[in-house]
Amino acid sequence: LLKKSTQNVRLSLLKSYASALGNIGYVYKSKGMIPEALINYDKALKI
């Protein structure tokens, strides 16, 4: 995301980024690390 790319590529990257953050939120939730889960879910939601 720090590199130059077309609008379509950037959009696809952002969707993948949100998906990864959401999945990481799930990982933290399953480990009982709720603050970390909510932080990642919130980041994913904003994207």
All heavy atoms as atom14 arrays in JSON, in Angstrom:
{
  "sequence": "LLKKSTQNVRLSLLKSYASALGNIGYVYKSKGMIPEALINYDKALKI",
  "atom14_mask": [
    [1, 1, 1, 1, 1, 1, 1, 1, 0, 0, 0, 0, 0, 0],
    [1, 1, 1, 1, 1, 1, 1, 1, 0, 0, 0, 0, 0, 0],
    [1, 1, 1, 1, 1, 1, 1, 1, 1, 0, 0, 0, 0, 0],
    [1, 1, 1, 1, 1, 1, 1, 1, 1, 0, 0, 0, 0, 0],
    [1, 1, 1, 1, 1, 1, 0, 0, 0, 0, 0, 0, 0, 0],
    [1, 1, 1, 1, 1, 1, 1, 0, 0, 0, 0, 0, 0, 0],
    [1, 1, 1, 1, 1, 1, 1, 1, 1, 0, 0, 0, 0, 0],
    [1, 1, 1, 1, 1, 1, 1, 1, 0, 0, 0, 0, 0, 0],
    [1, 1, 1, 1, 1, 1, 1, 0, 0, 0, 0, 0, 0, 0],
    [1, 1, 1, 1, 1, 1, 1, 1, 1, 1, 1, 0, 0, 0],
    [1, 1, 1, 1, 1, 1, 1, 1, 0, 0, 0, 0, 0, 0],
    [1, 1, 1, 1, 1, 1, 0, 0, 0, 0, 0, 0, 0, 0],
    [1, 1, 1, 1, 1, 1, 1, 1, 0, 0, 0, 0, 0, 0],
    [1, 1, 1, 1, 1, 1, 1, 1, 0, 0, 0, 0, 0, 0],
    [1, 1, 1, 1, 1, 1, 1, 1, 1, 0, 0, 0, 0, 0],
    [1, 1, 1, 1, 1, 1, 0, 0, 0, 0, 0, 0, 0, 0],
    [1, 1, 1, 1, 1, 1, 1, 1, 1, 1, 1, 1, 0, 0],
    [1, 1, 1, 1, 1, 0, 0, 0, 0, 0, 0, 0, 0, 0],
    [1, 1, 1, 1, 1, 1, 0, 0, 0, 0, 0, 0, 0, 0],
    [1, 1, 1, 1, 1, 0, 0, 0, 0, 0, 0, 0, 0, 0],
    [1, 1, 1, 1, 1, 1, 1, 1, 0, 0, 0, 0, 0, 0],
    [1, 1, 1, 1, 0, 0, 0, 0, 0, 0, 0, 0, 0, 0],
    [1, 1, 1, 1, 1, 1, 1, 1, 0, 0, 0, 0, 0, 0],
    [1, 1, 1, 1, 1, 1, 1, 1, 0, 0, 0, 0, 0, 0],
    [1, 1, 1, 1, 0, 0, 0, 0, 0, 0, 0, 0, 0, 0],
    [1, 1, 1, 1, 1, 1, 1, 1, 1, 1, 1, 1, 0, 0],
    [1, 1, 1, 1, 1, 1, 1, 0, 0, 0, 0, 0, 0, 0],
    [1, 1, 1, 1, 1, 1, 1, 1, 1, 1, 1, 1, 0, 0],
    [1, 1, 1, 1, 1, 1, 1, 1, 1, 0, 0, 0, 0, 0],
    [1, 1, 1, 1, 1, 1, 0, 0, 0, 0, 0, 0, 0, 0],
    [1, 1, 1, 1, 1, 1, 1, 1, 1, 0, 0, 0, 0, 0],
    [1, 1, 1, 1, 0, 0, 0, 0, 0, 0, 0, 0, 0, 0],
    [1, 1, 1, 1, 1, 1, 1, 1, 0, 0, 0, 0, 0, 0],
    [1, 1, 1, 1, 1, 1, 1, 1, 0, 0, 0, 0, 0, 0],
    [1, 1, 1, 1, 1, 1, 1, 0, 0, 0, 0, 0, 0, 0],
    [1, 1, 1, 1, 1, 1, 1, 1, 1, 0, 0, 0, 0, 0],
    [1, 1, 1, 1, 1, 0, 0, 0, 0, 0, 0, 0, 0, 0],
    [1, 1, 1, 1, 1, 1, 1, 1, 0, 0, 0, 0, 0, 0],
    [1, 1, 1, 1, 1, 1, 1, 1, 0, 0, 0, 0, 0, 0],
    [1, 1, 1, 1, 1, 1, 1, 1, 0, 0, 0, 0, 0, 0],
    [1, 1, 1, 1, 1, 1, 1, 1, 1, 1, 1, 1, 0, 0],
    [1, 1, 1, 1, 1, 1, 1, 1, 0, 0, 0, 0, 0, 0],
    [1, 1, 1, 1, 1, 1, 1, 1, 1, 0, 0, 0, 0, 0],
    [1, 1, 1, 1, 1, 0, 0, 0, 0, 0, 0, 0, 0, 0],
    [1, 1, 1, 1, 1, 1, 1, 1, 0, 0, 0, 0, 0, 0],
    [1, 1, 1, 1, 1, 1, 1, 1, 1, 0, 0, 0, 0, 0],
    [1, 1, 1, 1, 1, 1, 1, 1, 0, 0, 0, 0, 0, 0]
  ],
  "atom14_positions": [
    [[0.81, -1.22, 0.0], [0.0, 0.0, 0.0], [0.84, 1.27, 0.0], [0.35, 2.35, -0.33], [-0.95, 0.0, 1.21], [-2.15, -0.94, 1.11], [-2.86, -1.04, 2.46], [-3.12, -0.47, 0.04], [0.0, 0.0, 0.0], [0.0, 0.0, 0.0], [0.0, 0.0, 0.0], [0.0, 0.0, 0.0], [0.0, 0.0, 0.0], [0.0, 0.0, 0.0]],
    [[2.1, 1.14, 0.38], [3.01, 2.3, 0.37], [3.53, 2.6, -1.04], [4.08, 3.67, -1.28], [4.19, 2.05, 1.31], [3.86, 1.96, 2.81], [5.1, 1.56, 3.59], [3.29, 3.27, 3.32], [0.0, 0.0, 0.0], [0.0, 0.0, 0.0], [0.0, 0.0, 0.0], [0.0, 0.0, 0.0], [0.0, 0.0, 0.0], [0.0, 0.0, 0.0]],
    [[3.33, 1.65, -1.95], [3.85, 1.81, -3.31], [2.77, 2.33, -4.25], [1.58, 2.19, -4.0], [4.4, 0.47, -3.81], [5.55, -0.06, -2.94], [6.01, -1.42, -3.39], [7.13, -1.96, -2.48], [7.56, -3.31, -2.88], [0.0, 0.0, 0.0], [0.0, 0.0, 0.0], [0.0, 0.0, 0.0], [0.0, 0.0, 0.0], [0.0, 0.0, 0.0]],
    [[3.2, 2.9, -5.34], [2.28, 3.46, -6.32], [1.56, 2.33, -7.05], [2.17, 1.34, -7.44], [3.07, 4.32, -7.32], [2.2, 5.24, -8.15], [3.07, 6.2, -8.95], [2.2, 7.17, -9.73], [3.03, 8.13, -10.51], [0.0, 0.0, 0.0], [0.0, 0.0, 0.0], [0.0, 0.0, 0.0], [0.0, 0.0, 0.0], [0.0, 0.0, 0.0]],
    [[0.24, 2.49, -7.22], [-0.53, 1.47, -7.94], [-1.77, 2.12, -8.53], [-2.13, 3.25, -8.2], [-0.95, 0.34, -6.98], [-1.75, 0.85, -5.93], [0.0, 0.0, 0.0], [0.0, 0.0, 0.0], [0.0, 0.0, 0.0], [0.0, 0.0, 0.0], [0.0, 0.0, 0.0], [0.0, 0.0, 0.0], [0.0, 0.0, 0.0], [0.0, 0.0, 0.0]],
    [[-2.45, 1.39, -9.4], [-3.68, 1.91, -10.0], [-4.79, 1.92, -8.95], [-4.7, 1.25, -7.91], [-4.13, 1.04, -11.18], [-4.51, -0.25, -10.69], [-3.01, 0.89, -12.21], [0.0, 0.0, 0.0], [0.0, 0.0, 0.0], [0.0, 0.0, 0.0], [0.0, 0.0, 0.0], [0.0, 0.0, 0.0], [0.0, 0.0, 0.0], [0.0, 0.0, 0.0]],
    [[-5.85, 2.64, -9.23], [-6.97, 2.74, -8.3], [-7.61, 1.37, -8.05], [-7.95, 1.03, -6.91], [-8.02, 3.71, -8.83], [-9.16, 3.97, -7.86], [-10.13, 5.02, -8.37], [-9.89, 5.65, -9.4], [-11.22, 5.22, -7.66], [0.0, 0.0, 0.0], [0.0, 0.0, 0.0], [0.0, 0.0, 0.0], [0.0, 0.0, 0.0], [0.0, 0.0, 0.0]],
    [[-7.75, 0.57, -9.1], [-8.36, -0.75, -8.96], [-7.5, -1.69, -8.12], [-8.02, -2.45, -7.29], [-8.62, -1.37, -10.34], [-9.79, -0.73, -11.05], [-10.63, -0.09, -10.41], [-9.85, -0.87, -12.37], [0.0, 0.0, 0.0], [0.0, 0.0, 0.0], [0.0, 0.0, 0.0], [0.0, 0.0, 0.0], [0.0, 0.0, 0.0], [0.0, 0.0, 0.0]],
    [[-6.19, -1.63, -8.34], [-5.28, -2.48, -7.57], [-5.31, -2.06, -6.1], [-5.37, -2.9, -5.19], [-3.84, -2.41, -8.12], [-2.85, -3.04, -7.15], [-3.77, -3.12, -9.46], [0.0, 0.0, 0.0], [0.0, 0.0, 0.0], [0.0, 0.0, 0.0], [0.0, 0.0, 0.0], [0.0, 0.0, 0.0], [0.0, 0.0, 0.0], [0.0, 0.0, 0.0]],
    [[-5.29, -0.75, -5.86], [-5.33, -0.26, -4.47], [-6.62, -0.68, -3.78], [-6.61, -1.06, -2.6], [-5.17, 1.26, -4.45], [-5.08, 1.82, -3.03], [-4.64, 3.29, -3.0], [-4.5, 3.73, -1.63], [-3.44, 3.51, -0.87], [-2.41, 2.83, -1.36], [-3.38, 3.95, 0.38], [0.0, 0.0, 0.0], [0.0, 0.0, 0.0], [0.0, 0.0, 0.0]],
    [[-7.73, -0.62, -4.5], [-9.01, -1.03, -3.93], [-8.97, -2.51, -3.54], [-9.44, -2.9, -2.45], [-10.13, -0.78, -4.95], [-11.55, -1.13, -4.51], [-11.97, -0.26, -3.33], [-12.52, -0.95, -5.67], [0.0, 0.0, 0.0], [0.0, 0.0, 0.0], [0.0, 0.0, 0.0], [0.0, 0.0, 0.0], [0.0, 0.0, 0.0], [0.0, 0.0, 0.0]],
    [[-8.42, -3.34, -4.41], [-8.31, -4.77, -4.12], [-7.39, -5.03, -2.92], [-7.68, -5.9, -2.08], [-7.78, -5.52, -5.34], [-8.7, -5.47, -6.4], [0.0, 0.0, 0.0], [0.0, 0.0, 0.0], [0.0, 0.0, 0.0], [0.0, 0.0, 0.0], [0.0, 0.0, 0.0], [0.0, 0.0, 0.0], [0.0, 0.0, 0.0], [0.0, 0.0, 0.0]],
    [[-6.3, -4.27, -2.84], [-5.39, -4.41, -1.7], [-6.08, -4.03, -0.39], [-5.9, -4.7, 0.63], [-4.15, -3.54, -1.91], [-3.12, -4.03, -2.91], [-2.06, -2.96, -3.16], [-2.45, -5.31, -2.41], [0.0, 0.0, 0.0], [0.0, 0.0, 0.0], [0.0, 0.0, 0.0], [0.0, 0.0, 0.0], [0.0, 0.0, 0.0], [0.0, 0.0, 0.0]],
    [[-6.85, -2.95, -0.42], [-7.55, -2.53, 0.79], [-8.56, -3.58, 1.24], [-8.71, -3.84, 2.45], [-8.24, -1.18, 0.55], [-7.32, 0.04, 0.53], [-8.07, 1.27, 0.03], [-6.73, 0.31, 1.91], [0.0, 0.0, 0.0], [0.0, 0.0, 0.0], [0.0, 0.0, 0.0], [0.0, 0.0, 0.0], [0.0, 0.0, 0.0], [0.0, 0.0, 0.0]],
    [[-9.26, -4.2, 0.28], [-10.2, -5.26, 0.64], [-9.48, -6.44, 1.28], [-9.94, -7.01, 2.28], [-10.97, -5.71, -0.6], [-11.99, -4.71, -1.09], [-12.7, -5.23, -2.35], [-13.71, -4.22, -2.89], [-14.34, -4.69, -4.14], [0.0, 0.0, 0.0], [0.0, 0.0, 0.0], [0.0, 0.0, 0.0], [0.0, 0.0, 0.0], [0.0, 0.0, 0.0]],
    [[-8.33, -6.8, 0.71], [-7.54, -7.9, 1.28], [-7.01, -7.53, 2.66], [-6.95, -8.38, 3.56], [-6.37, -8.26, 0.35], [-6.83, -8.79, -0.86], [0.0, 0.0, 0.0], [0.0, 0.0, 0.0], [0.0, 0.0, 0.0], [0.0, 0.0, 0.0], [0.0, 0.0, 0.0], [0.0, 0.0, 0.0], [0.0, 0.0, 0.0], [0.0, 0.0, 0.0]],
    [[-6.64, -6.26, 2.83], [-6.13, -5.78, 4.12], [-7.23, -5.87, 5.18], [-7.0, -6.35, 6.3], [-5.64, -4.35, 3.97], [-4.82, -3.82, 5.13], [-3.94, -4.63, 5.83], [-4.92, -2.48, 5.51], [-3.19, -4.15, 6.88], [-4.16, -1.98, 6.56], [-3.3, -2.81, 7.24], [-2.55, -2.31, 8.28], [0.0, 0.0, 0.0], [0.0, 0.0, 0.0]],
    [[-8.44, -5.41, 4.82], [-9.56, -5.47, 5.76], [-9.88, -6.92, 6.12], [-10.16, -7.23, 7.29], [-10.79, -4.8, 5.16], [0.0, 0.0, 0.0], [0.0, 0.0, 0.0], [0.0, 0.0, 0.0], [0.0, 0.0, 0.0], [0.0, 0.0, 0.0], [0.0, 0.0, 0.0], [0.0, 0.0, 0.0], [0.0, 0.0, 0.0], [0.0, 0.0, 0.0]],
    [[-9.83, -7.8, 5.14], [-10.1, -9.22, 5.39], [-9.07, -9.8, 6.36], [-9.42, -10.54, 7.3], [-10.09, -10.0, 4.07], [-10.31, -11.37, 4.31], [0.0, 0.0, 0.0], [0.0, 0.0, 0.0], [0.0, 0.0, 0.0], [0.0, 0.0, 0.0], [0.0, 0.0, 0.0], [0.0, 0.0, 0.0], [0.0, 0.0, 0.0], [0.0, 0.0, 0.0]],
    [[-7.79, -9.47, 6.14], [-6.73, -9.96, 7.03], [-6.92, -9.44, 8.44], [-6.79, -10.19, 9.42], [-5.36, -9.56, 6.48], [0.0, 0.0, 0.0], [0.0, 0.0, 0.0], [0.0, 0.0, 0.0], [0.0, 0.0, 0.0], [0.0, 0.0, 0.0], [0.0, 0.0, 0.0], [0.0, 0.0, 0.0], [0.0, 0.0, 0.0], [0.0, 0.0, 0.0]],
    [[-7.25, -8.16, 8.57], [-7.47, -7.57, 9.9], [-8.66, -8.21, 10.6], [-8.62, -8.48, 11.8], [-7.7, -6.06, 9.77], [-6.47, -5.23, 9.38], [-6.89, -3.8, 9.03], [-5.44, -5.21, 10.51], [0.0, 0.0, 0.0], [0.0, 0.0, 0.0], [0.0, 0.0, 0.0], [0.0, 0.0, 0.0], [0.0, 0.0, 0.0], [0.0, 0.0, 0.0]],
    [[-9.72, -8.48, 9.83], [-10.88, -9.15, 10.4], [-10.54, -10.55, 10.87], [-10.95, -10.98, 11.96], [0.0, 0.0, 0.0], [0.0, 0.0, 0.0], [0.0, 0.0, 0.0], [0.0, 0.0, 0.0], [0.0, 0.0, 0.0], [0.0, 0.0, 0.0], [0.0, 0.0, 0.0], [0.0, 0.0, 0.0], [0.0, 0.0, 0.0], [0.0, 0.0, 0.0]],
    [[-9.77, -11.27, 10.08], [-9.35, -12.62, 10.46], [-8.43, -12.6, 11.68], [-8.51, -13.48, 12.55], [-8.66, -13.31, 9.29], [-9.62, -13.68, 8.18], [-10.83, -13.8, 8.4], [-9.11, -13.84, 6.98], [0.0, 0.0, 0.0], [0.0, 0.0, 0.0], [0.0, 0.0, 0.0], [0.0, 0.0, 0.0], [0.0, 0.0, 0.0], [0.0, 0.0, 0.0]],
    [[-7.56, -11.6, 11.75], [-6.68, -11.46, 12.91], [-7.51, -11.14, 14.15], [-7.23, -11.62, 15.25], [-5.61, -10.38, 12.64], [-4.6, -10.92, 11.61], [-4.89, -9.99, 13.94], [-3.65, -9.86, 11.07], [0.0, 0.0, 0.0], [0.0, 0.0, 0.0], [0.0, 0.0, 0.0], [0.0, 0.0, 0.0], [0.0, 0.0, 0.0], [0.0, 0.0, 0.0]],
    [[-8.55, -10.31, 13.97], [-9.46, -10.05, 15.08], [-10.08, -11.33, 15.6], [-10.19, -11.54, 16.82], [0.0, 0.0, 0.0], [0.0, 0.0, 0.0], [0.0, 0.0, 0.0], [0.0, 0.0, 0.0], [0.0, 0.0, 0.0], [0.0, 0.0, 0.0], [0.0, 0.0, 0.0], [0.0, 0.0, 0.0], [0.0, 0.0, 0.0], [0.0, 0.0, 0.0]],
    [[-10.46, -12.23, 14.68], [-11.02, -13.51, 15.07], [-9.98, -14.35, 15.84], [-10.32, -15.02, 16.83], [-11.49, -14.27, 13.84], [-11.94, -15.68, 14.13], [-13.23, -15.93, 14.6], [-11.08, -16.76, 13.95], [-13.64, -17.22, 14.89], [-11.48, -18.05, 14.23], [-12.77, -18.28, 14.7], [-13.15, -19.56, 14.99], [0.0, 0.0, 0.0], [0.0, 0.0, 0.0]],
    [[-8.73, -14.32, 15.37], [-7.66, -15.06, 16.06], [-7.53, -14.59, 17.5], [-7.5, -15.39, 18.44], [-6.32, -14.89, 15.31], [-5.17, -15.45, 16.15], [-6.36, -15.58, 13.95], [0.0, 0.0, 0.0], [0.0, 0.0, 0.0], [0.0, 0.0, 0.0], [0.0, 0.0, 0.0], [0.0, 0.0, 0.0], [0.0, 0.0, 0.0], [0.0, 0.0, 0.0]],
    [[-7.48, -13.27, 17.68], [-7.35, -12.72, 19.03], [-8.57, -13.06, 19.88], [-8.46, -13.38, 21.07], [-7.15, -11.21, 18.98], [-5.75, -10.78, 18.61], [-5.5, -9.88, 17.58], [-4.65, -11.27, 19.31], [-4.21, -9.49, 17.25], [-3.36, -10.89, 19.0], [-3.14, -9.99, 17.96], [-1.86, -9.6, 17.64], [0.0, 0.0, 0.0], [0.0, 0.0, 0.0]],
    [[-9.76, -12.99, 19.28], [-10.98, -13.33, 20.03], [-10.93, -14.77, 20.52], [-11.28, -15.06, 21.66], [-12.19, -13.12, 19.13], [-13.52, -13.58, 19.73], [-14.65, -13.34, 18.76], [-15.95, -13.97, 19.25], [-15.93, -15.43, 19.18], [0.0, 0.0, 0.0], [0.0, 0.0, 0.0], [0.0, 0.0, 0.0], [0.0, 0.0, 0.0], [0.0, 0.0, 0.0]],
    [[-10.49, -15.69, 19.64], [-10.44, -17.1, 20.01], [-9.43, -17.37, 21.11], [-9.54, -18.36, 21.83], [-10.11, -17.96, 18.78], [-8.79, -17.7, 18.32], [0.0, 0.0, 0.0], [0.0, 0.0, 0.0], [0.0, 0.0, 0.0], [0.0, 0.0, 0.0], [0.0, 0.0, 0.0], [0.0, 0.0, 0.0], [0.0, 0.0, 0.0], [0.0, 0.0, 0.0]],
    [[-8.45, -16.47, 21.27], [-7.44, -16.61, 22.33], [-7.83, -15.84, 23.58], [-7.06, -15.79, 24.55], [-6.08, -16.13, 21.82], [-5.5, -16.95, 20.68], [-4.18, -16.39, 20.22], [-3.62, -17.12, 19.01], [-3.3, -18.53, 19.28], [0.0, 0.0, 0.0], [0.0, 0.0, 0.0], [0.0, 0.0, 0.0], [0.0, 0.0, 0.0], [0.0, 0.0, 0.0]],
    [[-9.0, -15.21, 23.56], [-9.45, -14.44, 24.72], [-8.82, -13.07, 24.84], [-8.96, -12.4, 25.87], [0.0, 0.0, 0.0], [0.0, 0.0, 0.0], [0.0, 0.0, 0.0], [0.0, 0.0, 0.0], [0.0, 0.0, 0.0], [0.0, 0.0, 0.0], [0.0, 0.0, 0.0], [0.0, 0.0, 0.0], [0.0, 0.0, 0.0], [0.0, 0.0, 0.0]],
    [[-8.14, -12.61, 23.79], [-7.47, -11.3, 23.8], [-8.44, -10.27, 23.2], [-8.29, -9.82, 22.06], [-6.16, -11.39, 23.02], [-5.21, -12.43, 23.58], [-3.78, -12.78, 22.51], [-2.88, -11.22, 22.61], [0.0, 0.0, 0.0], [0.0, 0.0, 0.0], [0.0, 0.0, 0.0], [0.0, 0.0, 0.0], [0.0, 0.0, 0.0], [0.0, 0.0, 0.0]],
    [[-9.45, -9.91, 23.98], [-10.58, -9.13, 23.48], [-10.2, -7.7, 23.05], [-10.65, -7.24, 21.99], [-11.72, -9.1, 24.51], [-12.16, -10.55, 24.84], [-12.89, -8.28, 24.0], [-12.56, -11.37, 23.64], [0.0, 0.0, 0.0], [0.0, 0.0, 0.0], [0.0, 0.0, 0.0], [0.0, 0.0, 0.0], [0.0, 0.0, 0.0], [0.0, 0.0, 0.0]],
    [[-9.39, -6.96, 23.83], [-9.01, -5.61, 23.37], [-8.33, -5.64, 22.01], [-8.62, -4.81, 21.14], [-8.08, -5.12, 24.47], [-8.49, -5.86, 25.69], [-8.87, -7.22, 25.2], [0.0, 0.0, 0.0], [0.0, 0.0, 0.0], [0.0, 0.0, 0.0], [0.0, 0.0, 0.0], [0.0, 0.0, 0.0], [0.0, 0.0, 0.0], [0.0, 0.0, 0.0]],
    [[-7.42, -6.61, 21.81], [-6.72, -6.72, 20.53], [-7.7, -7.1, 19.41], [-7.58, -6.62, 18.28], [-5.61, -7.77, 20.62], [-4.43, -7.38, 21.5], [-4.67, -7.67, 22.98], [-5.8, -8.09, 23.35], [-3.73, -7.47, 23.77], [0.0, 0.0, 0.0], [0.0, 0.0, 0.0], [0.0, 0.0, 0.0], [0.0, 0.0, 0.0], [0.0, 0.0, 0.0]],
    [[-8.66, -7.97, 19.73], [-9.67, -8.35, 18.74], [-10.48, -7.14, 18.3], [-10.69, -6.92, 17.1], [-10.6, -9.42, 19.32], [0.0, 0.0, 0.0], [0.0, 0.0, 0.0], [0.0, 0.0, 0.0], [0.0, 0.0, 0.0], [0.0, 0.0, 0.0], [0.0, 0.0, 0.0], [0.0, 0.0, 0.0], [0.0, 0.0, 0.0], [0.0, 0.0, 0.0]],
    [[-10.92, -6.34, 19.26], [-11.74, -5.17, 18.94], [-10.96, -4.13, 18.15], [-11.51, -3.49, 17.25], [-12.3, -4.54, 20.23], [-13.42, -5.34, 20.91], [-13.76, -4.73, 22.27], [-14.66, -5.39, 20.03], [0.0, 0.0, 0.0], [0.0, 0.0, 0.0], [0.0, 0.0, 0.0], [0.0, 0.0, 0.0], [0.0, 0.0, 0.0], [0.0, 0.0, 0.0]],
    [[-9.67, -3.97, 18.45], [-8.83, -3.03, 17.71], [-8.77, -3.43, 16.24], [-8.95, -2.6, 15.33], [-7.42, -2.96, 18.31], [-7.44, -2.21, 19.64], [-6.43, -2.28, 17.34], [-6.14, -2.31, 20.43], [0.0, 0.0, 0.0], [0.0, 0.0, 0.0], [0.0, 0.0, 0.0], [0.0, 0.0, 0.0], [0.0, 0.0, 0.0], [0.0, 0.0, 0.0]],
    [[-8.54, -4.72, 15.98], [-8.44, -5.19, 14.59], [-9.79, -5.17, 13.89], [-9.86, -4.82, 12.71], [-7.81, -6.58, 14.57], [-6.31, -6.55, 14.72], [-5.58, -6.36, 13.74], [-5.82, -6.69, 15.94], [0.0, 0.0, 0.0], [0.0, 0.0, 0.0], [0.0, 0.0, 0.0], [0.0, 0.0, 0.0], [0.0, 0.0, 0.0], [0.0, 0.0, 0.0]],
    [[-10.85, -5.53, 14.59], [-12.19, -5.44, 14.0], [-12.53, -4.0, 13.63], [-13.11, -3.74, 12.56], [-13.24, -5.98, 14.96], [-13.35, -7.49, 15.01], [-13.73, -8.13, 16.18], [-13.1, -8.27, 13.89], [-13.85, -9.52, 16.24], [-13.21, -9.66, 13.94], [-13.59, -10.27, 15.12], [-13.7, -11.64, 15.16], [0.0, 0.0, 0.0], [0.0, 0.0, 0.0]],
    [[-12.18, -3.07, 14.51], [-12.48, -1.66, 14.25], [-11.71, -1.15, 13.02], [-12.27, -0.44, 12.18], [-12.13, -0.81, 15.48], [-12.52, 0.65, 15.31], [-13.72, 0.91, 15.1], [-11.64, 1.52, 15.36], [0.0, 0.0, 0.0], [0.0, 0.0, 0.0], [0.0, 0.0, 0.0], [0.0, 0.0, 0.0], [0.0, 0.0, 0.0], [0.0, 0.0, 0.0]],
    [[-10.45, -1.55, 12.9], [-9.66, -1.16, 11.73], [-10.26, -1.74, 10.45], [-10.36, -1.05, 9.43], [-8.21, -1.65, 11.88], [-7.38, -0.89, 12.91], [-5.98, -1.48, 12.99], [-5.11, -0.74, 14.01], [-3.76, -1.36, 14.11], [0.0, 0.0, 0.0], [0.0, 0.0, 0.0], [0.0, 0.0, 0.0], [0.0, 0.0, 0.0], [0.0, 0.0, 0.0]],
    [[-10.66, -3.01, 10.52], [-11.26, -3.67, 9.35], [-12.57, -2.98, 8.97], [-12.84, -2.74, 7.79], [-11.52, -5.15, 9.66], [0.0, 0.0, 0.0], [0.0, 0.0, 0.0], [0.0, 0.0, 0.0], [0.0, 0.0, 0.0], [0.0, 0.0, 0.0], [0.0, 0.0, 0.0], [0.0, 0.0, 0.0], [0.0, 0.0, 0.0], [0.0, 0.0, 0.0]],
    [[-13.38, -2.63, 9.97], [-14.66, -1.98, 9.72], [-14.48, -0.63, 9.02], [-15.21, -0.32, 8.06], [-15.41, -1.79, 11.05], [-16.81, -1.17, 10.97], [-17.73, -2.03, 10.12], [-17.39, -1.01, 12.38], [0.0, 0.0, 0.0], [0.0, 0.0, 0.0], [0.0, 0.0, 0.0], [0.0, 0.0, 0.0], [0.0, 0.0, 0.0], [0.0, 0.0, 0.0]],
    [[-13.51, 0.14, 9.46], [-13.26, 1.45, 8.85], [-12.86, 1.3, 7.38], [-13.29, 2.08, 6.53], [-12.16, 2.19, 9.63], [-12.64, 2.73, 10.97], [-11.5, 3.38, 11.75], [-12.01, 3.91, 13.09], [-10.9, 4.44, 13.92], [0.0, 0.0, 0.0], [0.0, 0.0, 0.0], [0.0, 0.0, 0.0], [0.0, 0.0, 0.0], [0.0, 0.0, 0.0]],
    [[-12.04, 0.29, 7.09], [-11.61, 0.08, 5.7], [-12.78, -0.39, 4.85], [-12.98, 0.09, 3.72], [-10.44, -0.92, 5.63], [-9.2, -0.36, 6.33], [-10.1, -1.25, 4.17], [-8.08, -1.35, 6.5], [0.0, 0.0, 0.0], [0.0, 0.0, 0.0], [0.0, 0.0, 0.0], [0.0, 0.0, 0.0], [0.0, 0.0, 0.0], [0.0, 0.0, 0.0]]
  ]
}
